[in-house]
Structure formats: structure tokens, C-alpha cells
Amino acid sequence: CRQVARCGPARLIVLGHGENSIYQIGNELLRRHPDLALECVVADIRDAARLDQVFCQYRPDIVLHAAAHKHVPLMEANMPDAVTNNIQGTRILVEKAVAHGTSRLVMISSDKAVNPTSVMGVTKRVAEMIVQDAAYASRRAFTTVRFGNVLGSRGSVVPLFESQIAAGGPVTVTHTDVRRYFMTIPEAVQLVLQAAALGNGGEIFVLDMGESIRIIDLARDMITLSGLKPDEDIEIAIVGMRPGEKLFEELSVRDERHMPSPHEKIFVLRQDRGYSAERSATLHARVDELIDSAQTGDLDRLQQVLHDLVPEYVSPEEVNPALN
């Protein structure tokens, strides 16, 4: 929102279901940009009728879709809500964007969507499929960006380590070999804006984030930068992998072609399948099954349909049968 406001849009609509967050960002934007044409909308993307009202009223040209549940262990314990928010909400939003003439849409996804081992990851993968399907079917510039871990974002590892160091430790790391890709908030914003500008439809944009970083090395560096000594002043506790977590993340699936973009730090992923009416109908029929299973609380059926849609998905129970 902050970067978009600086671009001087004709109108900026900020939409979310958390009224406090919407109130705070609205006040901040108007303080920094008094002449900004700003609309603050409290709505849930799962509410199709409400979204229809919003699109009818404002008819946005560009939609940046960042609404998602993203915490891996929490979504393992709340699978129905992960499905309705990340999958159903995305489909409703995309359908309204198509119906009301939105020309460009960018959905924010995650590297956890690649060969997923978590509910969060697999729901984001299905959301990617929905956006790609709509792009091909409507011939609109609907695209996706895959984020790594965004340094300093809410709920991310850096603020967690900062609070643990400030409290005197311990700093908690799940496994000594866990590695993650990282990007800064400005890099994440630029990736979204570049995707909005460059996308033709159906692509996935990924930032060149360099080498992945061992989380235990990050913990040690942060303790040292705080003027303290790892393992002496501040303990590092190895707490074990949580359900849905992976030792390392990947940036692309097997059938995605890597292509350069006009931006030297951004590359594009494409699949050669194109649009198929039969494949589209199958996708939406299975999504209907997912939503029905989520609403009835049928977790076994949910898992089965997720596996059918994303065959490479491996649930935590399959990785570690003891979790059953």
C-alpha cells in the first residue's frame, strides 16, 4: 500500500477483514499522502456478495491479492479455514475480477507451494492454479509472485528472534539444517509491482534471492549483532521440526520453465500446458469438493482432494507416521 500510494494512483482501495489493520494503514497513508484518493473497505474475500458490491462500486483496474493464512503449524491445525481462505477466497476474488473487467491481478504466493508438505503450502499451490486457469480462460494479465521469507514482516523469523534475544533467550531453532530463502520488504514490493507491470497472464514471477540461509546461522548472527555471544549470553535451543515444515524450500516445480524477464533480478516461470476447458472444469469441480469438505469438517476427504489436485503434496503424516 505504501509503495502504491507513492505512485499516485487515481484511487487506492485497501481491503481486508481486520478492521484495526485497515484503520491503521488508512491513517498512515492519509498522513503521508493527504491528497490520496483512498477508500478503506472492511470485507472478507470469502463473502462473494460483499466482494461483488465492492467491485461494482469501485471497478478496480489492478488487484493485488495478498489475503492469505500463512502460518504453517497453525494451518495444520485449522485445515478447513486454510482451504476456505486461501482457495475459496482466491477463487471468489478472481471470479469478481473477471466479471467486473479488472485487467491485471497479482496474487502473492509462497515458495512453500512448491512440492508442498503443509496445508498452507498446498492451498497456496491450488490458489496458483486458480489464478493461472483464470488468466488463460479470460486472457487477462493475471499472474502470481512466489515469495521467500520476507525479512521483518509480521510473524516472520527476524522479529521472533529479536523478541527472544531481548527477553534473554533462548532463541528457538527447529533443526540445525533448516534453510530458507530471504527477501527484504522493498524487494518483495518491487516483485509485486514488476509482476503487475510485466505480466501477460499465467506467469509466476520469482525473485533471484541468491543462496538459501541456514536459520541457525541467522540466529547466531543476530545474537552477535546484538552485542552478545551465542551459546554463552543467549542459548540457542533446537526444538524440533513442526508439522508441515521442510528442511529446505524450492522455487519451482518440475514442469515450470525458467525464463528471464526485463528485470535482471526477477525470473519468470511458465508451464506449456495452456488452457484446457476440460482441465478447467475438473479443477473447479475439485475445488467445489474442497469447499464442501471444509464446510462440513470432513478432514479425510479434504486431504484426499488436495492430494488429487496436487499429486506432489506430501502431508506431515506421510512424512512422519507418528503424527497420526
C-alpha atoms as a PDB file:
ATOM      1  CA  CYS A   1       0.000   0.000   0.000  1.00  0.00           C
ATOM      2  CA  ARG A   2       2.758   2.439   0.908  1.00  0.00           C
ATOM      3  CA  GLN A   3       4.623   1.929  -2.371  1.00  0.00           C
ATOM      4  CA  VAL A   4       1.438   2.043  -4.451  1.00  0.00           C
ATOM      5  CA  ALA A   5       0.395   5.301  -2.762  1.00  0.00           C
ATOM      6  CA  ARG A   6       3.699   6.861  -3.840  1.00  0.00           C
ATOM      7  CA  CYS A   7       2.867   6.044  -7.460  1.00  0.00           C
ATOM      8  CA  GLY A   8      -0.116   8.424  -7.374  1.00  0.00           C
ATOM      9  CA  PRO A   9      -2.981   6.085  -8.325  1.00  0.00           C
ATOM     10  CA  ALA A  10      -6.318   7.604  -9.363  1.00  0.00           C
ATOM     11  CA  ARG A  11      -7.784   5.708  -6.432  1.00  0.00           C
ATOM     12  CA  LEU A  12      -6.399   3.215  -3.919  1.00  0.00           C
ATOM     13  CA  ILE A  13      -8.801   0.745  -2.313  1.00  0.00           C
ATOM     14  CA  VAL A  14      -7.396  -1.022   0.747  1.00  0.00           C
ATOM     15  CA  LEU A  15      -9.486  -4.085   1.602  1.00  0.00           C
ATOM     16  CA  GLY A  16      -9.156  -6.556   4.461  1.00  0.00           C
ATOM     17  CA  HIS A  17     -11.177  -8.249   7.170  1.00  0.00           C
ATOM     18  CA  GLY A  18      -9.110  -6.918  10.092  1.00  0.00           C
ATOM     19  CA  GLU A  19     -10.593  -3.531  10.930  1.00  0.00           C
ATOM     20  CA  ASN A  20      -7.691  -2.460  13.150  1.00  0.00           C
ATOM     21  CA  SER A  21      -5.114  -3.072  10.420  1.00  0.00           C
ATOM     22  CA  ILE A  22      -7.259  -1.267   7.851  1.00  0.00           C
ATOM     23  CA  TYR A  23      -7.775   1.664  10.231  1.00  0.00           C
ATOM     24  CA  GLN A  24      -4.061   1.953  10.985  1.00  0.00           C
ATOM     25  CA  ILE A  25      -2.836   1.754   7.397  1.00  0.00           C
ATOM     26  CA  GLY A  26      -5.558   4.159   6.285  1.00  0.00           C
ATOM     27  CA  ASN A  27      -4.486   6.776   8.820  1.00  0.00           C
ATOM     28  CA  GLU A  28      -0.825   6.330   7.914  1.00  0.00           C
ATOM     29  CA  LEU A  29      -1.427   6.663   4.178  1.00  0.00           C
ATOM     30  CA  LEU A  30      -3.510   9.822   4.525  1.00  0.00           C
ATOM     31  CA  ARG A  31      -0.951  11.353   6.862  1.00  0.00           C
ATOM     32  CA  ARG A  32       1.813  10.760   4.322  1.00  0.00           C
ATOM     33  CA  HIS A  33      -0.300  11.468   1.226  1.00  0.00           C
ATOM     34  CA  PRO A  34      -3.052  13.978   2.115  1.00  0.00           C
ATOM     35  CA  ASP A  35      -4.272  14.190  -1.494  1.00  0.00           C
ATOM     36  CA  LEU A  36      -4.534  10.414  -1.971  1.00  0.00           C
ATOM     37  CA  ALA A  37      -7.959   9.200  -3.103  1.00  0.00           C
ATOM     38  CA  LEU A  38      -8.187   6.405  -0.538  1.00  0.00           C
ATOM     39  CA  GLU A  39     -11.023   4.010   0.215  1.00  0.00           C
ATOM     40  CA  CYS A  40     -10.770   1.707   3.248  1.00  0.00           C
ATOM     41  CA  VAL A  41     -13.012  -1.336   2.965  1.00  0.00           C
ATOM     42  CA  VAL A  42     -13.611  -3.936   5.670  1.00  0.00           C
ATOM     43  CA  ALA A  43     -14.588  -7.176   3.940  1.00  0.00           C
ATOM     44  CA  ASP A  44     -13.773 -10.874   3.820  1.00  0.00           C
ATOM     45  CA  ILE A  45     -12.769 -12.258   0.425  1.00  0.00           C
ATOM     46  CA  ARG A  46     -14.843 -15.357   1.192  1.00  0.00           C
ATOM     47  CA  ASP A  47     -18.008 -13.196   1.135  1.00  0.00           C
ATOM     48  CA  ALA A  48     -18.953 -13.274  -2.543  1.00  0.00           C
ATOM     49  CA  ALA A  49     -21.881 -10.859  -2.241  1.00  0.00           C
ATOM     50  CA  ARG A  50     -19.807  -8.277  -0.380  1.00  0.00           C
ATOM     51  CA  LEU A  51     -16.959  -8.529  -2.899  1.00  0.00           C
ATOM     52  CA  ASP A  52     -19.457  -8.072  -5.709  1.00  0.00           C
ATOM     53  CA  GLN A  53     -20.609  -4.826  -4.081  1.00  0.00           C
ATOM     54  CA  VAL A  54     -17.026  -3.606  -3.791  1.00  0.00           C
ATOM     55  CA  PHE A  55     -16.167  -4.415  -7.413  1.00  0.00           C
ATOM     56  CA  CYS A  56     -19.418  -2.852  -8.648  1.00  0.00           C
ATOM     57  CA  GLN A  57     -18.718   0.332  -6.707  1.00  0.00           C
ATOM     58  CA  TYR A  58     -15.028   0.827  -7.492  1.00  0.00           C
ATOM     59  CA  ARG A  59     -14.269  -1.273 -10.606  1.00  0.00           C
ATOM     60  CA  PRO A  60     -10.533  -1.595  -9.917  1.00  0.00           C
ATOM     61  CA  ASP A  61      -8.175  -1.835 -12.877  1.00  0.00           C
ATOM     62  CA  ILE A  62      -5.487  -3.668 -10.886  1.00  0.00           C
ATOM     63  CA  VAL A  63      -5.942  -6.076  -7.965  1.00  0.00           C
ATOM     64  CA  LEU A  64      -3.049  -7.043  -5.679  1.00  0.00           C
ATOM     65  CA  HIS A  65      -4.160 -10.146  -3.770  1.00  0.00           C
ATOM     66  CA  ALA A  66      -2.252 -10.613  -0.508  1.00  0.00           C
ATOM     67  CA  ALA A  67      -5.058 -12.039   1.638  1.00  0.00           C
ATOM     68  CA  ALA A  68      -3.949 -15.436   2.951  1.00  0.00           C
ATOM     69  CA  HIS A  69      -3.377 -17.549   6.024  1.00  0.00           C
ATOM     70  CA  LYS A  70       0.377 -18.177   6.046  1.00  0.00           C
ATOM     71  CA  HIS A  71       1.479 -19.746   9.348  1.00  0.00           C
ATOM     72  CA  VAL A  72       2.369 -23.374   8.666  1.00  0.00           C
ATOM     73  CA  PRO A  73       1.777 -25.082  12.061  1.00  0.00           C
ATOM     74  CA  LEU A  74      -1.386 -23.062  12.681  1.00  0.00           C
ATOM     75  CA  MET A  75      -2.889 -24.080   9.354  1.00  0.00           C
ATOM     76  CA  GLU A  76      -2.104 -27.752  10.009  1.00  0.00           C
ATOM     77  CA  ALA A  77      -4.428 -27.456  12.998  1.00  0.00           C
ATOM     78  CA  ASN A  78      -7.020 -25.381  11.111  1.00  0.00           C
ATOM     79  CA  MET A  79      -7.229 -27.018   7.711  1.00  0.00           C
ATOM     80  CA  PRO A  80     -10.827 -26.001   6.850  1.00  0.00           C
ATOM     81  CA  ASP A  81     -10.057 -22.314   7.355  1.00  0.00           C
ATOM     82  CA  ALA A  82      -6.872 -22.595   5.283  1.00  0.00           C
ATOM     83  CA  VAL A  83      -8.942 -24.063   2.444  1.00  0.00           C
ATOM     84  CA  THR A  84     -11.771 -21.529   2.593  1.00  0.00           C
ATOM     85  CA  ASN A  85      -9.468 -18.527   2.936  1.00  0.00           C
ATOM     86  CA  ASN A  86      -6.597 -19.448   0.628  1.00  0.00           C
ATOM     87  CA  ILE A  87      -8.551 -21.373  -2.023  1.00  0.00           C
ATOM     88  CA  GLN A  88     -12.216 -20.354  -1.866  1.00  0.00           C
ATOM     89  CA  GLY A  89     -11.347 -16.709  -1.196  1.00  0.00           C
ATOM     90  CA  THR A  90      -8.940 -16.640  -4.129  1.00  0.00           C
ATOM     91  CA  ARG A  91     -11.495 -18.152  -6.488  1.00  0.00           C
ATOM     92  CA  ILE A  92     -14.182 -15.670  -5.447  1.00  0.00           C
ATOM     93  CA  LEU A  93     -11.792 -12.742  -5.844  1.00  0.00           C
ATOM     94  CA  VAL A  94     -10.621 -13.919  -9.257  1.00  0.00           C
ATOM     95  CA  GLU A  95     -14.196 -14.502 -10.448  1.00  0.00           C
ATOM     96  CA  LYS A  96     -15.231 -10.985  -9.408  1.00  0.00           C
ATOM     97  CA  ALA A  97     -12.147  -9.508 -11.063  1.00  0.00           C
ATOM     98  CA  VAL A  98     -13.038 -11.231 -14.344  1.00  0.00           C
ATOM     99  CA  ALA A  99     -16.725 -10.319 -14.112  1.00  0.00           C
ATOM    100  CA  HIS A 100     -16.052  -6.637 -13.458  1.00  0.00           C
ATOM    101  CA  GLY A 101     -13.350  -6.043 -16.034  1.00  0.00           C
ATOM    102  CA  THR A 102     -10.190  -5.960 -13.927  1.00  0.00           C
ATOM    103  CA  SER A 103      -7.315  -6.009 -16.396  1.00  0.00           C
ATOM    104  CA  ARG A 104      -4.467  -7.053 -14.088  1.00  0.00           C
ATOM    105  CA  LEU A 105      -4.278  -9.178 -10.952  1.00  0.00           C
ATOM    106  CA  VAL A 106      -1.242 -10.286  -8.967  1.00  0.00           C
ATOM    107  CA  MET A 107      -1.559 -12.976  -6.313  1.00  0.00           C
ATOM    108  CA  ILE A 108       1.119 -13.312  -3.675  1.00  0.00           C
ATOM    109  CA  SER A 109       2.113 -16.945  -3.202  1.00  0.00           C
ATOM    110  CA  SER A 110       4.950 -18.688  -1.398  1.00  0.00           C
ATOM    111  CA  ASP A 111       7.898 -20.960  -2.079  1.00  0.00           C
ATOM    112  CA  LYS A 112       6.055 -23.342   0.267  1.00  0.00           C
ATOM    113  CA  ALA A 113       3.662 -24.002  -2.633  1.00  0.00           C
ATOM    114  CA  VAL A 114       6.428 -25.923  -4.440  1.00  0.00           C
ATOM    115  CA  ASN A 115       6.334 -29.667  -3.669  1.00  0.00           C
ATOM    116  CA  PRO A 116       4.290 -28.810  -0.576  1.00  0.00           C
ATOM    117  CA  THR A 117       4.446 -30.677   2.716  1.00  0.00           C
ATOM    118  CA  SER A 118       1.961 -28.453   4.535  1.00  0.00           C
ATOM    119  CA  VAL A 119      -1.678 -27.430   4.320  1.00  0.00           C
ATOM    120  CA  MET A 120      -0.575 -23.829   3.910  1.00  0.00           C
ATOM    121  CA  GLY A 121       1.707 -24.752   1.007  1.00  0.00           C
ATOM    122  CA  VAL A 122      -0.754 -26.971  -0.832  1.00  0.00           C
ATOM    123  CA  THR A 123      -3.604 -24.453  -0.506  1.00  0.00           C
ATOM    124  CA  LYS A 124      -1.364 -21.776  -1.991  1.00  0.00           C
ATOM    125  CA  ARG A 125      -0.457 -24.145  -4.845  1.00  0.00           C
ATOM    126  CA  VAL A 126      -4.151 -24.666  -5.614  1.00  0.00           C
ATOM    127  CA  ALA A 127      -4.635 -20.886  -5.469  1.00  0.00           C
ATOM    128  CA  GLU A 128      -1.843 -20.515  -8.046  1.00  0.00           C
ATOM    129  CA  MET A 129      -3.668 -22.995 -10.275  1.00  0.00           C
ATOM    130  CA  ILE A 130      -6.895 -20.987  -9.969  1.00  0.00           C
ATOM    131  CA  VAL A 131      -5.166 -17.755 -10.985  1.00  0.00           C
ATOM    132  CA  GLN A 132      -3.431 -19.425 -13.942  1.00  0.00           C
ATOM    133  CA  ASP A 133      -6.680 -21.013 -15.090  1.00  0.00           C
ATOM    134  CA  ALA A 134      -8.477 -17.656 -14.978  1.00  0.00           C
ATOM    135  CA  ALA A 135      -5.625 -15.984 -16.852  1.00  0.00           C
ATOM    136  CA  TYR A 136      -5.802 -18.494 -19.695  1.00  0.00           C
ATOM    137  CA  ALA A 137      -9.617 -18.634 -19.789  1.00  0.00           C
ATOM    138  CA  SER A 138     -10.175 -14.858 -19.716  1.00  0.00           C
ATOM    139  CA  ARG A 139      -6.952 -13.829 -21.487  1.00  0.00           C
ATOM    140  CA  ARG A 140      -6.286 -11.340 -18.711  1.00  0.00           C
ATOM    141  CA  ALA A 141      -2.922 -10.394 -17.218  1.00  0.00           C
ATOM    142  CA  PHE A 142      -3.486 -12.395 -14.036  1.00  0.00           C
ATOM    143  CA  THR A 143      -0.169 -13.505 -12.557  1.00  0.00           C
ATOM    144  CA  THR A 144       1.418 -14.857  -9.387  1.00  0.00           C
ATOM    145  CA  VAL A 145       4.551 -13.994  -7.429  1.00  0.00           C
ATOM    146  CA  ARG A 146       6.288 -16.526  -5.197  1.00  0.00           C
ATOM    147  CA  PHE A 147       7.833 -15.063  -2.081  1.00  0.00           C
ATOM    148  CA  GLY A 148      10.555 -16.493   0.072  1.00  0.00           C
ATOM    149  CA  ASN A 149      10.653 -15.411   3.712  1.00  0.00           C
ATOM    150  CA  VAL A 150      10.223 -11.648   3.900  1.00  0.00           C
ATOM    151  CA  LEU A 151      12.651 -10.140   6.391  1.00  0.00           C
ATOM    152  CA  GLY A 152      10.887  -8.117   9.054  1.00  0.00           C
ATOM    153  CA  SER A 153       7.323  -8.966   8.027  1.00  0.00           C
ATOM    154  CA  ARG A 154       4.728  -9.717  10.673  1.00  0.00           C
ATOM    155  CA  GLY A 155       5.118 -13.201  12.137  1.00  0.00           C
ATOM    156  CA  SER A 156       8.445 -13.846  10.402  1.00  0.00           C
ATOM    157  CA  VAL A 157      11.587 -15.252  11.970  1.00  0.00           C
ATOM    158  CA  VAL A 158      13.548 -12.000  12.403  1.00  0.00           C
ATOM    159  CA  PRO A 159      11.029 -10.255  14.706  1.00  0.00           C
ATOM    160  CA  LEU A 160      10.690 -13.548  16.607  1.00  0.00           C
ATOM    161  CA  PHE A 161      14.447 -13.798  17.163  1.00  0.00           C
ATOM    162  CA  GLU A 162      14.605 -10.111  18.140  1.00  0.00           C
ATOM    163  CA  SER A 163      11.971 -10.613  20.828  1.00  0.00           C
ATOM    164  CA  GLN A 164      13.652 -13.790  22.092  1.00  0.00           C
ATOM    165  CA  ILE A 165      17.047 -12.056  22.297  1.00  0.00           C
ATOM    166  CA  ALA A 166      15.500  -9.063  24.085  1.00  0.00           C
ATOM    167  CA  ALA A 167      13.955 -11.467  26.612  1.00  0.00           C
ATOM    168  CA  GLY A 168      17.340 -13.075  27.313  1.00  0.00           C
ATOM    169  CA  GLY A 169      16.724 -16.207  25.261  1.00  0.00           C
ATOM    170  CA  PRO A 170      16.535 -18.920  24.380  1.00  0.00           C
ATOM    171  CA  VAL A 171      16.413 -18.374  20.629  1.00  0.00           C
ATOM    172  CA  THR A 172      14.455 -21.307  19.205  1.00  0.00           C
ATOM    173  CA  VAL A 173      15.506 -23.079  16.000  1.00  0.00           C
ATOM    174  CA  THR A 174      13.621 -26.128  14.748  1.00  0.00           C
ATOM    175  CA  HIS A 175      16.595 -28.004  13.239  1.00  0.00           C
ATOM    176  CA  THR A 176      20.297 -27.319  12.696  1.00  0.00           C
ATOM    177  CA  ASP A 177      19.983 -27.920   8.930  1.00  0.00           C
ATOM    178  CA  VAL A 178      16.866 -25.847   8.191  1.00  0.00           C
ATOM    179  CA  ARG A 179      17.499 -23.380   5.348  1.00  0.00           C
ATOM    180  CA  ARG A 180      15.305 -20.625   3.933  1.00  0.00           C
ATOM    181  CA  TYR A 181      15.344 -18.095   1.122  1.00  0.00           C
ATOM    182  CA  PHE A 182      15.036 -14.484   2.243  1.00  0.00           C
ATOM    183  CA  MET A 183      13.989 -11.230   0.634  1.00  0.00           C
ATOM    184  CA  THR A 184      13.606  -7.732   2.042  1.00  0.00           C
ATOM    185  CA  ILE A 185      10.287  -5.889   2.207  1.00  0.00           C
ATOM    186  CA  PRO A 186      11.355  -3.449  -0.577  1.00  0.00           C
ATOM    187  CA  GLU A 187      12.361  -6.419  -2.753  1.00  0.00           C
ATOM    188  CA  ALA A 188       9.003  -8.088  -2.113  1.00  0.00           C
ATOM    189  CA  VAL A 189       7.129  -4.916  -3.035  1.00  0.00           C
ATOM    190  CA  GLN A 190       9.144  -4.438  -6.219  1.00  0.00           C
ATOM    191  CA  LEU A 191       8.476  -8.041  -7.226  1.00  0.00           C
ATOM    192  CA  VAL A 192       4.719  -7.451  -6.940  1.00  0.00           C
ATOM    193  CA  LEU A 193       4.816  -4.145  -8.829  1.00  0.00           C
ATOM    194  CA  GLN A 194       7.053  -5.565 -11.559  1.00  0.00           C
ATOM    195  CA  ALA A 195       4.705  -8.538 -11.959  1.00  0.00           C
ATOM    196  CA  ALA A 196       1.774  -6.139 -12.302  1.00  0.00           C
ATOM    197  CA  ALA A 197       3.636  -4.209 -14.993  1.00  0.00           C
ATOM    198  CA  LEU A 198       5.256  -7.088 -16.895  1.00  0.00           C
ATOM    199  CA  GLY A 199       2.703  -9.886 -16.638  1.00  0.00           C
ATOM    200  CA  ASN A 200       0.849 -11.106 -19.720  1.00  0.00           C
ATOM    201  CA  GLY A 201      -1.136 -13.782 -17.909  1.00  0.00           C
ATOM    202  CA  GLY A 202      -0.446 -17.150 -16.339  1.00  0.00           C
ATOM    203  CA  GLU A 203       3.171 -16.497 -15.357  1.00  0.00           C
ATOM    204  CA  ILE A 204       4.743 -16.945 -11.957  1.00  0.00           C
ATOM    205  CA  PHE A 205       7.364 -14.342 -11.054  1.00  0.00           C
ATOM    206  CA  VAL A 206      10.191 -15.202  -8.665  1.00  0.00           C
ATOM    207  CA  LEU A 207      12.971 -13.034  -7.259  1.00  0.00           C
ATOM    208  CA  ASP A 208      16.576 -14.156  -7.543  1.00  0.00           C
ATOM    209  CA  MET A 209      17.220 -14.428  -3.806  1.00  0.00           C
ATOM    210  CA  GLY A 210      20.703 -15.883  -4.080  1.00  0.00           C
ATOM    211  CA  GLU A 211      21.640 -18.766  -1.817  1.00  0.00           C
ATOM    212  CA  SER A 212      19.367 -20.008   0.947  1.00  0.00           C
ATOM    213  CA  ILE A 213      20.486 -19.258   4.511  1.00  0.00           C
ATOM    214  CA  ARG A 214      20.759 -21.656   7.439  1.00  0.00           C
ATOM    215  CA  ILE A 215      18.385 -20.455  10.152  1.00  0.00           C
ATOM    216  CA  ILE A 216      20.836 -21.370  12.909  1.00  0.00           C
ATOM    217  CA  ASP A 217      23.438 -19.119  11.227  1.00  0.00           C
ATOM    218  CA  LEU A 218      20.885 -16.307  11.120  1.00  0.00           C
ATOM    219  CA  ALA A 219      20.221 -16.820  14.839  1.00  0.00           C
ATOM    220  CA  ARG A 220      23.928 -16.674  15.666  1.00  0.00           C
ATOM    221  CA  ASP A 221      24.438 -13.558  13.539  1.00  0.00           C
ATOM    222  CA  MET A 222      21.515 -11.751  15.154  1.00  0.00           C
ATOM    223  CA  ILE A 223      22.768 -12.573  18.657  1.00  0.00           C
ATOM    224  CA  THR A 224      26.251 -11.341  17.738  1.00  0.00           C
ATOM    225  CA  LEU A 225      24.883  -8.138  16.169  1.00  0.00           C
ATOM    226  CA  SER A 226      23.064  -7.504  19.447  1.00  0.00           C
ATOM    227  CA  GLY A 227      26.451  -7.394  21.188  1.00  0.00           C
ATOM    228  CA  LEU A 228      26.013 -10.798  22.815  1.00  0.00           C
ATOM    229  CA  LYS A 229      27.645 -14.206  22.451  1.00  0.00           C
ATOM    230  CA  PRO A 230      25.716 -17.182  21.065  1.00  0.00           C
ATOM    231  CA  ASP A 231      25.532 -20.171  23.435  1.00  0.00           C
ATOM    232  CA  GLU A 232      27.044 -18.073  26.243  1.00  0.00           C
ATOM    233  CA  ASP A 233      24.905 -14.985  26.761  1.00  0.00           C
ATOM    234  CA  ILE A 234      21.989 -16.335  24.729  1.00  0.00           C
ATOM    235  CA  GLU A 235      21.125 -20.025  24.422  1.00  0.00           C
ATOM    236  CA  ILE A 236      20.080 -21.452  21.057  1.00  0.00           C
ATOM    237  CA  ALA A 237      17.516 -24.204  21.634  1.00  0.00           C
ATOM    238  CA  ILE A 238      16.841 -26.850  18.967  1.00  0.00           C
ATOM    239  CA  VAL A 239      13.120 -27.505  19.411  1.00  0.00           C
ATOM    240  CA  GLY A 240      12.384 -29.960  16.580  1.00  0.00           C
ATOM    241  CA  MET A 241      10.553 -29.691  13.288  1.00  0.00           C
ATOM    242  CA  ARG A 242       6.876 -28.801  13.478  1.00  0.00           C
ATOM    243  CA  PRO A 243       4.170 -30.467  11.356  1.00  0.00           C
ATOM    244  CA  GLY A 244       4.262 -29.220   7.775  1.00  0.00           C
ATOM    245  CA  GLU A 245       7.775 -27.770   7.909  1.00  0.00           C
ATOM    246  CA  LYS A 246      10.558 -28.673   5.455  1.00  0.00           C
ATOM    247  CA  LEU A 247      14.313 -28.585   5.859  1.00  0.00           C
ATOM    248  CA  PHE A 248      14.598 -26.500   2.685  1.00  0.00           C
ATOM    249  CA  GLU A 249      12.294 -24.734   0.246  1.00  0.00           C
ATOM    250  CA  GLU A 250      12.280 -24.847  -3.553  1.00  0.00           C
ATOM    251  CA  LEU A 251      11.361 -22.141  -6.043  1.00  0.00           C
ATOM    252  CA  SER A 252       9.835 -24.070  -8.945  1.00  0.00           C
ATOM    253  CA  VAL A 253       8.118 -27.342  -9.789  1.00  0.00           C
ATOM    254  CA  ARG A 254       9.459 -29.807 -12.329  1.00  0.00           C
ATOM    255  CA  ASP A 255       7.399 -28.746 -15.367  1.00  0.00           C
ATOM    256  CA  GLU A 256       7.934 -24.989 -14.985  1.00  0.00           C
ATOM    257  CA  ARG A 257      10.319 -23.392 -17.491  1.00  0.00           C
ATOM    258  CA  HIS A 258      12.686 -20.712 -16.183  1.00  0.00           C
ATOM    259  CA  MET A 259      12.733 -17.613 -18.376  1.00  0.00           C
ATOM    260  CA  PRO A 260      14.432 -14.227 -17.978  1.00  0.00           C
ATOM    261  CA  SER A 261      12.466 -11.018 -17.526  1.00  0.00           C
ATOM    262  CA  PRO A 262      13.397  -7.405 -18.354  1.00  0.00           C
ATOM    263  CA  HIS A 263      14.354  -7.067 -14.685  1.00  0.00           C
ATOM    264  CA  GLU A 264      17.737  -8.680 -14.024  1.00  0.00           C
ATOM    265  CA  LYS A 265      16.777  -9.882 -10.521  1.00  0.00           C
ATOM    266  CA  ILE A 266      13.417 -11.395 -11.499  1.00  0.00           C
ATOM    267  CA  PHE A 267      12.794 -14.551 -13.484  1.00  0.00           C
ATOM    268  CA  VAL A 268       9.586 -15.956 -14.896  1.00  0.00           C
ATOM    269  CA  LEU A 269       8.186 -19.473 -14.568  1.00  0.00           C
ATOM    270  CA  ARG A 270       5.881 -20.797 -17.275  1.00  0.00           C
ATOM    271  CA  GLN A 271       4.113 -24.060 -17.964  1.00  0.00           C
ATOM    272  CA  ASP A 272       3.458 -25.085 -21.550  1.00  0.00           C
ATOM    273  CA  ARG A 273       0.038 -26.594 -20.954  1.00  0.00           C
ATOM    274  CA  GLY A 274      -2.039 -23.538 -21.932  1.00  0.00           C
ATOM    275  CA  TYR A 275      -5.806 -23.541 -21.461  1.00  0.00           C
ATOM    276  CA  SER A 276      -7.964 -26.650 -21.484  1.00  0.00           C
ATOM    277  CA  ALA A 277     -11.714 -26.397 -20.875  1.00  0.00           C
ATOM    278  CA  GLU A 278     -11.739 -29.976 -19.607  1.00  0.00           C
ATOM    279  CA  ARG A 279      -8.866 -29.356 -17.193  1.00  0.00           C
ATOM    280  CA  SER A 280     -10.518 -26.136 -16.016  1.00  0.00           C
ATOM    281  CA  ALA A 281     -13.811 -27.908 -15.343  1.00  0.00           C
ATOM    282  CA  THR A 282     -12.010 -30.635 -13.391  1.00  0.00           C
ATOM    283  CA  LEU A 283     -10.114 -28.065 -11.334  1.00  0.00           C
ATOM    284  CA  HIS A 284     -13.258 -26.202 -10.328  1.00  0.00           C
ATOM    285  CA  ALA A 285     -15.180 -29.400  -9.608  1.00  0.00           C
ATOM    286  CA  ARG A 286     -12.439 -30.480  -7.207  1.00  0.00           C
ATOM    287  CA  VAL A 287     -12.333 -27.021  -5.638  1.00  0.00           C
ATOM    288  CA  ASP A 288     -16.085 -27.333  -5.057  1.00  0.00           C
ATOM    289  CA  GLU A 289     -15.385 -30.622  -3.269  1.00  0.00           C
ATOM    290  CA  LEU A 290     -12.714 -28.946  -1.147  1.00  0.00           C
ATOM    291  CA  ILE A 291     -15.028 -26.144  -0.092  1.00  0.00           C
ATOM    292  CA  ASP A 292     -17.832 -28.581   0.728  1.00  0.00           C
ATOM    293  CA  SER A 293     -15.452 -30.753   2.764  1.00  0.00           C
ATOM    294  CA  ALA A 294     -14.118 -27.716   4.613  1.00  0.00           C
ATOM    295  CA  GLN A 295     -17.602 -26.519   5.467  1.00  0.00           C
ATOM    296  CA  THR A 296     -18.654 -29.954   6.741  1.00  0.00           C
ATOM    297  CA  GLY A 297     -15.374 -30.581   8.564  1.00  0.00           C
ATOM    298  CA  ASP A 298     -14.531 -33.737   6.597  1.00  0.00           C
ATOM    299  CA  LEU A 299     -10.748 -33.640   7.058  1.00  0.00           C
ATOM    300  CA  ASP A 300     -10.046 -37.025   5.457  1.00  0.00           C
ATOM    301  CA  ARG A 301     -11.845 -36.004   2.285  1.00  0.00           C
ATOM    302  CA  LEU A 302     -10.056 -32.653   2.350  1.00  0.00           C
ATOM    303  CA  GLN A 303      -6.680 -34.383   2.400  1.00  0.00           C
ATOM    304  CA  GLN A 304      -7.682 -36.740  -0.396  1.00  0.00           C
ATOM    305  CA  VAL A 305      -8.889 -33.987  -2.726  1.00  0.00           C
ATOM    306  CA  LEU A 306      -5.789 -31.889  -2.026  1.00  0.00           C
ATOM    307  CA  HIS A 307      -3.680 -34.926  -2.988  1.00  0.00           C
ATOM    308  CA  ASP A 308      -5.728 -35.380  -6.164  1.00  0.00           C
ATOM    309  CA  LEU A 309      -5.256 -31.746  -7.178  1.00  0.00           C
ATOM    310  CA  VAL A 310      -1.570 -31.567  -6.219  1.00  0.00           C
ATOM    311  CA  PRO A 311      -0.113 -35.096  -6.542  1.00  0.00           C
ATOM    312  CA  GLU A 312       3.308 -33.950  -5.294  1.00  0.00           C
ATOM    313  CA  TYR A 313       1.759 -32.876  -1.968  1.00  0.00           C
ATOM    314  CA  VAL A 314       3.101 -34.942   0.937  1.00  0.00           C
ATOM    315  CA  SER A 315       1.262 -34.445   4.215  1.00  0.00           C
ATOM    316  CA  PRO A 316       3.110 -34.355   7.562  1.00  0.00           C
ATOM    317  CA  GLU A 317       1.501 -37.687   8.466  1.00  0.00           C
ATOM    318  CA  GLU A 318       3.066 -39.280   5.383  1.00  0.00           C
ATOM    319  CA  VAL A 319       6.462 -37.811   6.251  1.00  0.00           C
ATOM    320  CA  ASN A 320       6.176 -38.884   9.886  1.00  0.00           C
ATOM    321  CA  PRO A 321       3.510 -41.567  10.563  1.00  0.00           C
ATOM    322  CA  ALA A 322       3.932 -40.971  14.306  1.00  0.00           C
ATOM    323  CA  LEU A 323       1.982 -37.714  13.868  1.00  0.00           C
ATOM    324  CA  ASN A 324      -1.132 -39.841  13.360  1.00  0.00           C
END
